[in-house]
Amino acid sequence: MAAESGWRAAVEVKPDLVDNREIMTTHSFDLDADPAQIVWAKRELTVDERKGALIGQANAAFQEVVNAQLAIEMAEDDASGDLDAVAAAKAVKDARIAAINAATTHDEVDAL
């Protein structure tokens, strides 16, 4: 590709990220470098962003239980969904979300 007119080699330059605390965002180009560089920026995640992701995971786990029990209920045989399983999953979800909401720092979110 480098032999074609107007094309040149390029490499990506990705920043080192702190797991669960930083993410890559936008990129810029350094056309003066050889090969050209696609340089990625990073930003720190907020505690609220991290908490939102954990709440989403808790809700998704609960939804999986609900969907499984609904599938049993909707099946053509005489099987009935287990409402106790749904209630137990909801209690786990509610406790998990309460713990997540109580966290106020990155370290507290890490401990979850």
C-alpha atoms as a PDB file:
ATOM      1  CA  MET A   1       0.000   0.000   0.000  1.00  0.00           C
ATOM      2  CA  ALA A   2       2.903   2.360   0.699  1.00  0.00           C
ATOM      3  CA  ALA A   3       3.847   2.225  -2.981  1.00  0.00           C
ATOM      4  CA  GLU A   4       0.553   3.793  -4.036  1.00  0.00           C
ATOM      5  CA  SER A   5       0.533   7.531  -4.545  1.00  0.00           C
ATOM      6  CA  GLY A   6      -0.748   9.425  -1.495  1.00  0.00           C
ATOM      7  CA  TRP A   7      -0.510   6.466   0.902  1.00  0.00           C
ATOM      8  CA  ARG A   8       2.085   6.069   3.615  1.00  0.00           C
ATOM      9  CA  ALA A   9       2.764   3.778   6.515  1.00  0.00           C
ATOM     10  CA  ALA A  10       1.197   4.586   9.862  1.00  0.00           C
ATOM     11  CA  VAL A  11       1.256   3.088  13.343  1.00  0.00           C
ATOM     12  CA  GLU A  12      -1.127   3.410  16.270  1.00  0.00           C
ATOM     13  CA  VAL A  13       0.220   4.809  19.516  1.00  0.00           C
ATOM     14  CA  LYS A  14      -2.007   3.678  22.373  1.00  0.00           C
ATOM     15  CA  PRO A  15      -1.606   5.044  25.895  1.00  0.00           C
ATOM     16  CA  ASP A  16      -1.042   2.848  28.910  1.00  0.00           C
ATOM     17  CA  LEU A  17      -4.363   2.578  30.732  1.00  0.00           C
ATOM     18  CA  VAL A  18      -5.138   1.927  34.366  1.00  0.00           C
ATOM     19  CA  ASP A  19      -7.588  -1.004  34.276  1.00  0.00           C
ATOM     20  CA  ASN A  20     -11.175  -0.010  35.061  1.00  0.00           C
ATOM     21  CA  ARG A  21     -10.158   3.591  35.689  1.00  0.00           C
ATOM     22  CA  GLU A  22      -9.181   4.980  32.290  1.00  0.00           C
ATOM     23  CA  ILE A  23     -10.392   4.577  28.711  1.00  0.00           C
ATOM     24  CA  MET A  24      -9.105   5.580  25.291  1.00  0.00           C
ATOM     25  CA  THR A  25     -11.003   8.423  23.708  1.00  0.00           C
ATOM     26  CA  THR A  26     -10.224  10.391  20.573  1.00  0.00           C
ATOM     27  CA  HIS A  27      -7.231  10.176  18.317  1.00  0.00           C
ATOM     28  CA  SER A  28      -5.044  12.603  16.430  1.00  0.00           C
ATOM     29  CA  PHE A  29      -2.517  12.200  13.646  1.00  0.00           C
ATOM     30  CA  ASP A  30       1.179  13.020  13.761  1.00  0.00           C
ATOM     31  CA  LEU A  31       2.012  13.304  10.091  1.00  0.00           C
ATOM     32  CA  ASP A  32       5.522  14.607  10.814  1.00  0.00           C
ATOM     33  CA  ALA A  33       6.591  11.256  12.270  1.00  0.00           C
ATOM     34  CA  ASP A  34       7.866   8.469  10.028  1.00  0.00           C
ATOM     35  CA  PRO A  35       5.879   6.312   9.936  1.00  0.00           C
ATOM     36  CA  ALA A  36       2.898   8.578  10.570  1.00  0.00           C
ATOM     37  CA  GLN A  37       1.292   8.072  13.976  1.00  0.00           C
ATOM     38  CA  ILE A  38      -2.307   7.702  15.029  1.00  0.00           C
ATOM     39  CA  VAL A  39      -2.076   8.889  18.628  1.00  0.00           C
ATOM     40  CA  TRP A  40      -4.882   7.917  21.007  1.00  0.00           C
ATOM     41  CA  ALA A  41      -5.835  10.070  23.993  1.00  0.00           C
ATOM     42  CA  LYS A  42      -7.207   8.759  27.263  1.00  0.00           C
ATOM     43  CA  ARG A  43      -9.400   9.992  30.052  1.00  0.00           C
ATOM     44  CA  GLU A  44     -10.231   8.914  33.561  1.00  0.00           C
ATOM     45  CA  LEU A  45     -13.554   7.203  34.165  1.00  0.00           C
ATOM     46  CA  THR A  46     -15.711   8.806  36.823  1.00  0.00           C
ATOM     47  CA  VAL A  47     -16.909   6.816  39.802  1.00  0.00           C
ATOM     48  CA  ASP A  48     -20.476   7.275  38.571  1.00  0.00           C
ATOM     49  CA  GLU A  49     -19.610   5.836  35.140  1.00  0.00           C
ATOM     50  CA  ARG A  50     -18.098   2.784  36.767  1.00  0.00           C
ATOM     51  CA  LYS A  51     -21.067   2.403  39.092  1.00  0.00           C
ATOM     52  CA  GLY A  52     -23.442   2.656  36.125  1.00  0.00           C
ATOM     53  CA  ALA A  53     -21.636  -0.186  34.375  1.00  0.00           C
ATOM     54  CA  LEU A  54     -21.851  -2.394  37.479  1.00  0.00           C
ATOM     55  CA  ILE A  55     -25.548  -1.612  37.916  1.00  0.00           C
ATOM     56  CA  GLY A  56     -26.088  -2.554  34.281  1.00  0.00           C
ATOM     57  CA  GLN A  57     -24.347  -5.888  34.888  1.00  0.00           C
ATOM     58  CA  ALA A  58     -26.506  -6.567  37.959  1.00  0.00           C
ATOM     59  CA  ASN A  59     -29.667  -5.773  36.003  1.00  0.00           C
ATOM     60  CA  ALA A  60     -28.541  -7.982  33.110  1.00  0.00           C
ATOM     61  CA  ALA A  61     -27.909 -10.942  35.436  1.00  0.00           C
ATOM     62  CA  PHE A  62     -31.387 -10.524  36.911  1.00  0.00           C
ATOM     63  CA  GLN A  63     -32.920 -10.231  33.438  1.00  0.00           C
ATOM     64  CA  GLU A  64     -31.278 -13.534  32.440  1.00  0.00           C
ATOM     65  CA  VAL A  65     -33.062 -15.296  35.309  1.00  0.00           C
ATOM     66  CA  VAL A  66     -36.368 -13.643  34.424  1.00  0.00           C
ATOM     67  CA  ASN A  67     -35.982 -14.600  30.753  1.00  0.00           C
ATOM     68  CA  ALA A  68     -35.138 -18.203  31.607  1.00  0.00           C
ATOM     69  CA  GLN A  69     -38.181 -18.529  33.854  1.00  0.00           C
ATOM     70  CA  LEU A  70     -40.403 -16.824  31.291  1.00  0.00           C
ATOM     71  CA  ALA A  71     -39.197 -19.253  28.616  1.00  0.00           C
ATOM     72  CA  ILE A  72     -40.190 -22.137  30.876  1.00  0.00           C
ATOM     73  CA  GLU A  73     -43.589 -20.536  31.484  1.00  0.00           C
ATOM     74  CA  MET A  74     -44.164 -19.932  27.776  1.00  0.00           C
ATOM     75  CA  ALA A  75     -43.139 -23.439  26.706  1.00  0.00           C
ATOM     76  CA  GLU A  76     -45.908 -25.582  25.293  1.00  0.00           C
ATOM     77  CA  ASP A  77     -45.608 -28.228  27.999  1.00  0.00           C
ATOM     78  CA  ASP A  78     -47.129 -27.892  31.457  1.00  0.00           C
ATOM     79  CA  ALA A  79     -43.948 -26.608  33.139  1.00  0.00           C
ATOM     80  CA  SER A  80     -44.208 -23.527  35.307  1.00  0.00           C
ATOM     81  CA  GLY A  81     -41.549 -20.916  35.859  1.00  0.00           C
ATOM     82  CA  ASP A  82     -39.983 -20.745  39.303  1.00  0.00           C
ATOM     83  CA  LEU A  83     -41.149 -17.508  40.901  1.00  0.00           C
ATOM     84  CA  ASP A  84     -38.936 -18.214  43.922  1.00  0.00           C
ATOM     85  CA  ALA A  85     -35.896 -18.189  41.617  1.00  0.00           C
ATOM     86  CA  VAL A  86     -36.990 -14.806  40.255  1.00  0.00           C
ATOM     87  CA  ALA A  87     -37.559 -13.438  43.768  1.00  0.00           C
ATOM     88  CA  ALA A  88     -34.143 -14.695  44.896  1.00  0.00           C
ATOM     89  CA  ALA A  89     -32.453 -13.167  41.854  1.00  0.00           C
ATOM     90  CA  LYS A  90     -34.227  -9.862  42.528  1.00  0.00           C
ATOM     91  CA  ALA A  91     -33.010  -9.883  46.141  1.00  0.00           C
ATOM     92  CA  VAL A  92     -29.440 -10.473  44.943  1.00  0.00           C
ATOM     93  CA  LYS A  93     -29.773  -7.682  42.360  1.00  0.00           C
ATOM     94  CA  ASP A  94     -31.229  -5.241  44.885  1.00  0.00           C
ATOM     95  CA  ALA A  95     -28.472  -5.980  47.420  1.00  0.00           C
ATOM     96  CA  ARG A  96     -25.799  -5.618  44.729  1.00  0.00           C
ATOM     97  CA  ILE A  97     -27.214  -2.288  43.548  1.00  0.00           C
ATOM     98  CA  ALA A  98     -27.422  -1.009  47.134  1.00  0.00           C
ATOM     99  CA  ALA A  99     -23.741  -1.877  47.637  1.00  0.00           C
ATOM    100  CA  ILE A 100     -22.827  -0.198  44.346  1.00  0.00           C
ATOM    101  CA  ASN A 101     -24.785   2.937  45.221  1.00  0.00           C
ATOM    102  CA  ALA A 102     -23.027   3.138  48.588  1.00  0.00           C
ATOM    103  CA  ALA A 103     -19.596   3.328  46.931  1.00  0.00           C
ATOM    104  CA  THR A 104     -18.197   6.842  46.605  1.00  0.00           C
ATOM    105  CA  THR A 105     -14.557   6.291  45.557  1.00  0.00           C
ATOM    106  CA  HIS A 106     -12.690   4.290  42.933  1.00  0.00           C
ATOM    107  CA  ASP A 107     -11.224   2.098  45.674  1.00  0.00           C
ATOM    108  CA  GLU A 108     -14.695   1.296  47.012  1.00  0.00           C
ATOM    109  CA  VAL A 109     -15.883   0.432  43.484  1.00  0.00           C
ATOM    110  CA  ASP A 110     -12.775  -1.757  43.038  1.00  0.00           C
ATOM    111  CA  ALA A 111     -13.725  -3.661  46.194  1.00  0.00           C
ATOM    112  CA  LEU A 112     -17.078  -4.599  44.691  1.00  0.00           C
END
